[in-house]
N, C-alpha and C. Protein backbone atom coordinates (compact mmCIF):
# COMPACT_ATOMS: atom_id res chain seq x y z
N MET A 1 111.55 97.20 12.68
CA MET A 1 111.62 97.48 14.09
C MET A 1 111.41 98.96 14.33
N ASN A 2 110.64 99.29 15.35
CA ASN A 2 110.30 100.67 15.64
C ASN A 2 111.28 101.23 16.65
N ASN A 3 112.04 102.26 16.25
CA ASN A 3 113.02 102.88 17.14
C ASN A 3 112.50 104.17 17.75
N ASN A 4 111.20 104.34 17.80
CA ASN A 4 110.61 105.57 18.32
C ASN A 4 110.38 105.53 19.82
N LYS A 5 110.80 104.47 20.49
CA LYS A 5 110.60 104.38 21.94
C LYS A 5 111.36 105.51 22.61
N GLY A 6 110.66 106.20 23.49
CA GLY A 6 111.29 107.28 24.22
C GLY A 6 111.27 108.61 23.50
N LYS A 7 110.95 108.62 22.23
CA LYS A 7 110.88 109.88 21.49
C LYS A 7 109.49 110.47 21.66
N SER A 8 109.45 111.73 21.89
CA SER A 8 108.18 112.42 22.12
C SER A 8 107.57 112.91 20.82
N ASN A 9 106.27 112.77 20.70
CA ASN A 9 105.54 113.32 19.57
C ASN A 9 104.87 114.65 19.93
N VAL A 10 105.23 115.19 21.07
CA VAL A 10 104.62 116.42 21.55
C VAL A 10 105.27 117.60 20.85
N GLY A 11 104.45 118.55 20.49
CA GLY A 11 104.94 119.77 19.84
C GLY A 11 103.97 120.89 20.08
N PHE A 12 104.15 121.97 19.39
CA PHE A 12 103.22 123.08 19.52
C PHE A 12 103.14 123.84 18.22
N THR A 13 102.07 124.56 18.09
CA THR A 13 101.86 125.42 16.93
C THR A 13 101.65 126.83 17.42
N LEU A 14 102.31 127.76 16.79
CA LEU A 14 102.16 129.16 17.15
C LEU A 14 101.28 129.83 16.11
N PHE A 15 100.17 130.41 16.58
CA PHE A 15 99.26 131.14 15.70
C PHE A 15 99.50 132.62 15.91
N ALA A 16 99.80 133.32 14.86
CA ALA A 16 100.04 134.76 14.95
C ALA A 16 99.16 135.46 13.92
N PRO A 17 98.58 136.59 14.29
CA PRO A 17 97.74 137.32 13.33
C PRO A 17 98.57 137.82 12.15
N THR A 18 97.97 137.75 10.98
CA THR A 18 98.67 138.19 9.77
C THR A 18 98.35 139.64 9.43
N GLY A 19 97.27 140.14 10.00
CA GLY A 19 96.84 141.49 9.65
C GLY A 19 95.78 141.52 8.57
N VAL A 20 95.57 140.39 7.90
CA VAL A 20 94.52 140.31 6.88
C VAL A 20 93.19 140.14 7.62
N ARG A 21 92.22 140.97 7.26
CA ARG A 21 90.91 140.93 7.92
C ARG A 21 89.81 140.78 6.88
N HIS A 22 88.69 140.26 7.32
CA HIS A 22 87.49 140.29 6.49
C HIS A 22 86.41 140.99 7.31
N GLU A 23 85.61 141.78 6.63
CA GLU A 23 84.53 142.53 7.27
C GLU A 23 83.30 142.49 6.38
N PHE A 24 82.18 142.81 7.01
CA PHE A 24 80.92 142.86 6.28
C PHE A 24 80.46 144.31 6.24
N LEU A 25 80.41 144.87 5.04
CA LEU A 25 80.02 146.26 4.88
C LEU A 25 78.52 146.46 4.95
N GLN A 26 77.78 145.48 4.43
CA GLN A 26 76.33 145.63 4.35
C GLN A 26 75.64 144.28 4.40
N VAL A 27 74.56 144.25 5.16
CA VAL A 27 73.66 143.09 5.16
C VAL A 27 72.27 143.65 4.92
N ASP A 28 71.71 143.35 3.76
CA ASP A 28 70.37 143.81 3.40
C ASP A 28 69.42 142.62 3.54
N LEU A 29 68.66 142.63 4.63
CA LEU A 29 67.76 141.51 4.91
C LEU A 29 66.62 141.41 3.92
N ILE A 30 66.17 142.54 3.40
CA ILE A 30 65.06 142.55 2.43
C ILE A 30 65.51 141.99 1.08
N LYS A 31 66.60 142.52 0.55
CA LYS A 31 67.12 142.06 -0.75
C LYS A 31 67.89 140.74 -0.62
N GLN A 32 68.19 140.34 0.61
CA GLN A 32 68.99 139.14 0.90
C GLN A 32 70.35 139.21 0.21
N GLN A 33 71.01 140.37 0.41
CA GLN A 33 72.34 140.59 -0.14
C GLN A 33 73.31 140.95 0.98
N VAL A 34 74.52 140.43 0.85
CA VAL A 34 75.57 140.72 1.82
C VAL A 34 76.83 141.11 1.05
N ILE A 35 77.48 142.19 1.50
CA ILE A 35 78.74 142.62 0.90
C ILE A 35 79.83 142.43 1.94
N GLY A 36 80.86 141.67 1.55
CA GLY A 36 82.01 141.44 2.40
C GLY A 36 83.27 141.90 1.72
N ILE A 37 84.27 142.27 2.52
CA ILE A 37 85.55 142.72 1.96
C ILE A 37 86.70 142.00 2.67
N VAL A 38 87.83 141.92 1.97
CA VAL A 38 89.07 141.43 2.53
C VAL A 38 90.05 142.59 2.49
N LEU A 39 90.61 142.94 3.67
CA LEU A 39 91.53 144.08 3.75
C LEU A 39 92.86 143.67 4.38
N TYR A 40 93.86 144.45 4.03
CA TYR A 40 95.17 144.32 4.65
C TYR A 40 95.78 145.71 4.70
N LYS A 41 96.18 146.12 5.88
CA LYS A 41 96.74 147.47 6.10
C LYS A 41 95.81 148.54 5.54
N GLU A 42 94.52 148.37 5.83
CA GLU A 42 93.46 149.31 5.46
C GLU A 42 93.22 149.44 3.96
N LYS A 43 93.82 148.58 3.16
CA LYS A 43 93.57 148.56 1.71
C LYS A 43 92.65 147.38 1.41
N ILE A 44 91.58 147.63 0.64
CA ILE A 44 90.65 146.58 0.25
C ILE A 44 91.22 145.82 -0.95
N TYR A 45 91.37 144.52 -0.78
CA TYR A 45 91.90 143.68 -1.86
C TYR A 45 90.80 142.96 -2.62
N MET A 46 89.71 142.65 -1.94
CA MET A 46 88.63 141.92 -2.61
C MET A 46 87.30 142.32 -1.99
N THR A 47 86.31 142.50 -2.85
CA THR A 47 84.93 142.77 -2.43
C THR A 47 84.06 141.67 -2.99
N VAL A 48 83.19 141.12 -2.14
CA VAL A 48 82.32 140.02 -2.55
C VAL A 48 80.87 140.39 -2.23
N LEU A 49 80.02 140.35 -3.26
CA LEU A 49 78.58 140.57 -3.09
C LEU A 49 77.89 139.23 -3.24
N VAL A 50 77.25 138.79 -2.16
CA VAL A 50 76.50 137.54 -2.18
C VAL A 50 75.03 137.90 -2.24
N ASP A 51 74.34 137.40 -3.28
CA ASP A 51 72.91 137.63 -3.46
C ASP A 51 72.21 136.29 -3.30
N LEU A 52 71.57 136.11 -2.15
CA LEU A 52 70.93 134.82 -1.87
C LEU A 52 69.65 134.62 -2.66
N LYS A 53 68.95 135.72 -3.01
CA LYS A 53 67.71 135.58 -3.79
C LYS A 53 67.99 135.00 -5.16
N THR A 54 69.06 135.47 -5.80
CA THR A 54 69.38 135.00 -7.15
C THR A 54 70.44 133.91 -7.15
N ASP A 55 70.95 133.58 -5.95
CA ASP A 55 72.00 132.57 -5.80
C ASP A 55 73.21 132.90 -6.67
N THR A 56 73.66 134.17 -6.57
CA THR A 56 74.82 134.60 -7.35
C THR A 56 75.85 135.25 -6.43
N VAL A 57 77.08 135.29 -6.91
CA VAL A 57 78.18 135.94 -6.21
C VAL A 57 78.94 136.79 -7.23
N GLN A 58 79.19 138.05 -6.87
CA GLN A 58 79.99 138.94 -7.69
C GLN A 58 81.26 139.26 -6.92
N VAL A 59 82.41 139.17 -7.59
CA VAL A 59 83.69 139.39 -6.93
C VAL A 59 84.46 140.47 -7.69
N GLU A 60 84.98 141.44 -6.93
CA GLU A 60 85.88 142.45 -7.48
C GLU A 60 87.20 142.33 -6.77
N GLY A 61 88.29 142.38 -7.51
CA GLY A 61 89.61 142.30 -6.91
C GLY A 61 90.03 140.88 -6.66
N ASP A 62 91.19 140.74 -6.00
CA ASP A 62 91.72 139.41 -5.72
C ASP A 62 92.67 139.48 -4.53
N VAL A 63 92.94 138.35 -3.94
CA VAL A 63 93.80 138.27 -2.78
C VAL A 63 95.15 137.62 -3.10
N ASP A 64 95.37 137.28 -4.35
CA ASP A 64 96.60 136.59 -4.73
C ASP A 64 97.86 137.37 -4.36
N THR A 65 97.81 138.70 -4.44
CA THR A 65 98.99 139.50 -4.15
C THR A 65 99.38 139.45 -2.67
N LEU A 66 98.49 138.97 -1.82
CA LEU A 66 98.80 138.86 -0.40
C LEU A 66 99.62 137.61 -0.08
N GLY A 67 99.75 136.73 -1.04
CA GLY A 67 100.59 135.55 -0.88
C GLY A 67 100.14 134.64 0.25
N GLU A 68 101.08 134.24 1.08
CA GLU A 68 100.84 133.28 2.15
C GLU A 68 100.15 133.90 3.37
N LEU A 69 99.87 135.19 3.34
CA LEU A 69 99.25 135.86 4.48
C LEU A 69 97.79 135.48 4.66
N ASN A 70 97.16 134.96 3.64
CA ASN A 70 95.71 134.80 3.68
C ASN A 70 95.25 133.46 3.12
N MET A 71 93.94 133.27 3.21
CA MET A 71 93.31 132.10 2.57
C MET A 71 93.25 132.36 1.06
N ASP A 72 92.94 131.34 0.31
CA ASP A 72 92.81 131.55 -1.13
C ASP A 72 91.45 132.17 -1.46
N ARG A 73 91.33 132.63 -2.68
CA ARG A 73 90.14 133.35 -3.16
C ARG A 73 88.86 132.55 -2.92
N ASP A 74 88.86 131.28 -3.30
CA ASP A 74 87.66 130.45 -3.17
C ASP A 74 87.25 130.26 -1.70
N SER A 75 88.24 130.19 -0.81
CA SER A 75 87.93 130.04 0.61
C SER A 75 87.22 131.28 1.15
N TYR A 76 87.67 132.45 0.72
CA TYR A 76 86.99 133.68 1.14
C TYR A 76 85.57 133.74 0.59
N ILE A 77 85.40 133.34 -0.66
CA ILE A 77 84.06 133.35 -1.27
C ILE A 77 83.15 132.39 -0.50
N ASP A 78 83.64 131.20 -0.18
CA ASP A 78 82.85 130.24 0.61
C ASP A 78 82.51 130.81 1.98
N LEU A 79 83.47 131.47 2.61
CA LEU A 79 83.24 132.09 3.91
C LEU A 79 82.13 133.13 3.84
N PHE A 80 82.21 134.02 2.84
CA PHE A 80 81.20 135.06 2.71
C PHE A 80 79.83 134.47 2.38
N LYS A 81 79.77 133.43 1.56
CA LYS A 81 78.49 132.80 1.25
C LYS A 81 77.87 132.16 2.49
N THR A 82 78.69 131.47 3.27
CA THR A 82 78.21 130.81 4.48
C THR A 82 77.71 131.84 5.49
N GLN A 83 78.50 132.90 5.68
CA GLN A 83 78.11 133.94 6.62
C GLN A 83 76.86 134.68 6.16
N ALA A 84 76.74 134.93 4.86
CA ALA A 84 75.56 135.61 4.32
C ALA A 84 74.30 134.81 4.65
N LEU A 85 74.36 133.53 4.42
CA LEU A 85 73.22 132.66 4.72
C LEU A 85 72.88 132.71 6.21
N PHE A 86 73.90 132.66 7.06
CA PHE A 86 73.70 132.72 8.51
C PHE A 86 73.04 134.04 8.91
N PHE A 87 73.55 135.15 8.38
CA PHE A 87 72.99 136.46 8.73
C PHE A 87 71.54 136.59 8.30
N ILE A 88 71.24 136.18 7.09
CA ILE A 88 69.87 136.32 6.57
C ILE A 88 68.92 135.39 7.33
N GLU A 89 69.31 134.14 7.53
CA GLU A 89 68.45 133.19 8.24
C GLU A 89 68.19 133.60 9.68
N ASN A 90 69.13 134.30 10.30
CA ASN A 90 69.01 134.69 11.70
C ASN A 90 68.65 136.16 11.88
N ASN A 91 68.27 136.81 10.77
CA ASN A 91 67.79 138.19 10.81
C ASN A 91 68.82 139.14 11.45
N ILE A 92 70.08 138.97 11.07
CA ILE A 92 71.18 139.79 11.61
C ILE A 92 71.56 140.83 10.56
N SER A 93 71.25 142.08 10.84
CA SER A 93 71.56 143.14 9.88
C SER A 93 72.86 143.86 10.21
N ASN A 94 73.38 143.65 11.44
CA ASN A 94 74.62 144.30 11.85
C ASN A 94 75.56 143.24 12.46
N PRO A 95 76.38 142.61 11.61
CA PRO A 95 77.25 141.53 12.10
C PRO A 95 78.21 141.97 13.20
N LYS A 96 78.77 143.17 13.08
CA LYS A 96 79.72 143.64 14.10
C LYS A 96 79.04 143.72 15.47
N GLN A 97 77.86 144.30 15.49
CA GLN A 97 77.11 144.40 16.75
C GLN A 97 76.77 143.00 17.28
N TYR A 98 76.36 142.12 16.40
CA TYR A 98 76.01 140.75 16.79
C TYR A 98 77.20 140.06 17.47
N TYR A 99 78.38 140.12 16.82
CA TYR A 99 79.55 139.45 17.37
C TYR A 99 80.06 140.15 18.63
N ASP A 100 79.98 141.48 18.69
CA ASP A 100 80.38 142.20 19.89
C ASP A 100 79.51 141.78 21.08
N GLU A 101 78.20 141.70 20.85
CA GLU A 101 77.29 141.28 21.92
C GLU A 101 77.53 139.83 22.32
N LEU A 102 77.84 138.99 21.36
CA LEU A 102 78.12 137.59 21.64
C LEU A 102 79.37 137.47 22.51
N ILE A 103 80.41 138.21 22.17
CA ILE A 103 81.67 138.18 22.94
C ILE A 103 81.46 138.77 24.32
N ASN A 104 80.80 139.91 24.40
CA ASN A 104 80.57 140.57 25.70
C ASN A 104 79.67 139.74 26.60
N GLY A 105 78.73 139.03 26.01
CA GLY A 105 77.84 138.17 26.78
C GLY A 105 78.57 136.99 27.39
N GLN A 106 79.58 136.48 26.69
CA GLN A 106 80.34 135.34 27.20
C GLN A 106 81.30 135.75 28.30
N SER A 107 81.78 136.99 28.27
CA SER A 107 82.77 137.42 29.26
C SER A 107 82.12 137.89 30.56
N SER A 108 80.79 138.08 30.57
CA SER A 108 80.12 138.55 31.79
C SER A 108 79.90 137.44 32.77
């Protein structure tokens, strides 16, 4: 017998920034290479070089010391690979400018 009558399944989730950021330092459209970093409190914890021409990824550092504040290492690598492909395919050499223009264009 189900005794859930009258009980609400409504709830909420609170999303709060952790302070962990990822940025793209370089997008080289000719070499098809993208360098991304993961930072926390202005310290770089991981650097990822995605080379689409050779289909390779080089990783320096790790995010394990950040604990529950961030995604796991493989998730960041997948993120950087996906974004690298997007930037190269769409001829985007300055991701910050691209996203700034995208945000500003939506708010106008």
